[in-house]
Protein backbone atom coordinates (compact mmCIF):
# COMPACT_ATOMS: atom_id res chain seq x y z
CA MET A 1 -5.16 28.48 24.51
CA SER A 2 -2.66 25.97 23.12
CA GLU A 3 -3.69 23.39 25.72
CA GLU A 4 -7.33 23.78 24.69
CA ILE A 5 -6.47 23.29 21.01
CA LEU A 6 -4.23 20.30 21.70
CA GLY A 7 -6.95 18.80 23.89
CA PHE A 8 -9.45 19.18 21.06
CA ILE A 9 -7.05 17.53 18.61
CA SER A 10 -6.44 14.63 21.00
CA ARG A 11 -10.15 13.81 20.95
CA PHE A 12 -9.71 12.87 17.28
CA THR A 13 -6.46 10.97 17.74
CA ASP A 14 -7.07 9.27 21.09
CA LYS A 15 -4.05 11.22 22.40
CA GLY A 16 -1.99 10.30 19.35
CA ARG A 17 -2.73 6.58 19.48
CA SER A 18 -5.11 6.46 16.54
CA GLU A 19 -2.69 5.98 13.66
CA GLN A 20 -5.48 5.70 11.09
CA VAL A 21 -6.90 9.10 11.97
CA VAL A 22 -3.47 10.73 11.92
CA ALA A 23 -2.69 9.05 8.59
CA ALA A 24 -5.97 10.21 7.06
CA PHE A 25 -5.45 13.85 8.07
CA THR A 26 -1.78 13.95 7.11
CA GLY A 27 -2.06 11.92 3.92
CA GLY A 28 -4.58 13.80 1.83
CA CYS A 29 -7.27 15.24 4.09
CA CYS A 30 -5.21 17.91 5.88
CA TYR A 31 -7.28 20.69 4.33
CA TRP A 32 -10.42 19.36 5.97
CA PHE A 33 -8.88 19.02 9.42
CA ALA A 34 -7.52 22.56 9.16
CA ARG A 35 -11.06 23.70 8.34
CA VAL A 36 -12.39 21.83 11.39
CA LEU A 37 -9.88 23.66 13.57
CA CYS A 38 -10.76 27.01 11.98
CA GLU A 39 -14.46 26.39 12.63
CA ARG A 40 -14.00 25.17 16.19
CA PHE A 41 -11.76 28.09 17.15
CA ALA A 42 -13.48 30.73 15.01
CA ALA A 43 -13.68 33.11 17.96
CA PHE A 44 -9.89 33.50 17.78
CA SER A 45 -9.80 34.61 14.12
CA PRO A 46 -7.92 31.59 12.77
CA ALA A 47 -6.37 31.50 9.31
CA LEU A 48 -6.10 28.61 6.89
CA VAL A 49 -2.41 28.29 5.96
CA TYR A 50 -0.59 26.21 3.37
CA ASP A 51 2.93 24.98 2.68
CA PRO A 52 3.25 24.71 -1.12
CA VAL A 53 6.42 22.61 -1.04
CA MET A 54 5.01 19.97 1.32
CA ASN A 55 1.44 20.37 0.01
CA HIS A 56 0.08 20.57 3.54
CA PHE A 57 -2.59 22.68 5.24
CA GLY A 58 -2.77 23.87 8.81
CA ALA A 59 -4.76 26.28 10.94
CA GLU A 60 -3.02 29.31 12.40
CA ILE A 61 -4.57 30.20 15.72
CA ARG A 62 -3.11 32.98 17.82
CA GLY A 63 0.28 32.82 16.10
CA LEU A 64 0.73 29.03 16.22
CA VAL A 65 -0.11 26.56 13.47
CA TYR A 66 -1.84 23.25 14.18
CA ASP A 67 -2.70 20.12 12.26
CA ILE A 68 -3.82 16.66 13.37
CA THR A 69 -0.40 16.04 14.95
CA GLY A 70 -0.47 19.16 17.13
CA ASP A 71 1.65 22.30 17.00
CA VAL A 72 3.46 22.31 13.65
CA THR A 73 4.39 25.98 13.57
CA ASP A 74 8.09 25.36 12.97
CA LEU A 75 7.82 22.23 10.82
CA TYR A 76 6.62 23.88 7.61
CA THR A 77 6.94 27.14 5.69
CA TRP A 78 3.43 28.52 6.07
CA THR A 79 1.68 30.89 3.68
CA PRO A 80 -1.83 32.18 4.26
CA TRP A 81 -4.10 30.30 1.85
CA GLU A 82 -5.59 33.58 0.67
CA ARG A 83 -2.13 34.60 -0.60
CA VAL A 84 -1.81 31.53 -2.81
CA THR A 85 -3.01 33.31 -5.92
CA ASP A 86 -1.52 31.34 -8.80
CA PRO A 87 -4.67 30.07 -10.56
CA LEU A 88 -3.12 26.82 -11.80
CA LEU A 89 -1.70 25.96 -8.39
CA ARG A 90 -4.97 26.78 -6.62
CA SER A 91 -6.93 24.74 -9.15
CA ARG A 92 -4.64 21.72 -8.69
CA ILE A 93 -4.85 21.96 -4.91
CA VAL A 94 -8.63 22.35 -4.89
CA ASP A 95 -9.11 19.47 -7.33
CA ASN A 96 -6.72 17.09 -5.57
CA CYS A 97 -6.81 18.05 -1.92
CA VAL A 98 -10.19 19.64 -1.33
CA MET A 99 -12.67 18.13 -3.76
CA PHE A 100 -10.81 14.83 -4.42
CA ARG A 101 -11.60 15.02 -8.15
CA ARG A 102 -8.32 13.42 -9.17
């Protein structure tokens, strides 16, 4: 499964050589790439996860977490997005990272 996910990611990054794509999805659009992964691998019951300290989203698929750079399971402290319940924090994240209102 991991090889399939990493292969899918590499189609976006030209096997890691597309610095602009990696920069876009690590520098402000990580939520949207995590959603792409969740949609693409929906059959495996993925979960949108978030690291509140690093302000970064990933997609947990079968126990591993992925972003545009690949397997980032051990690089962040992941929390399921659904468990981020503080209304001010969620509002800030949605405004800044999802809707780009600010």
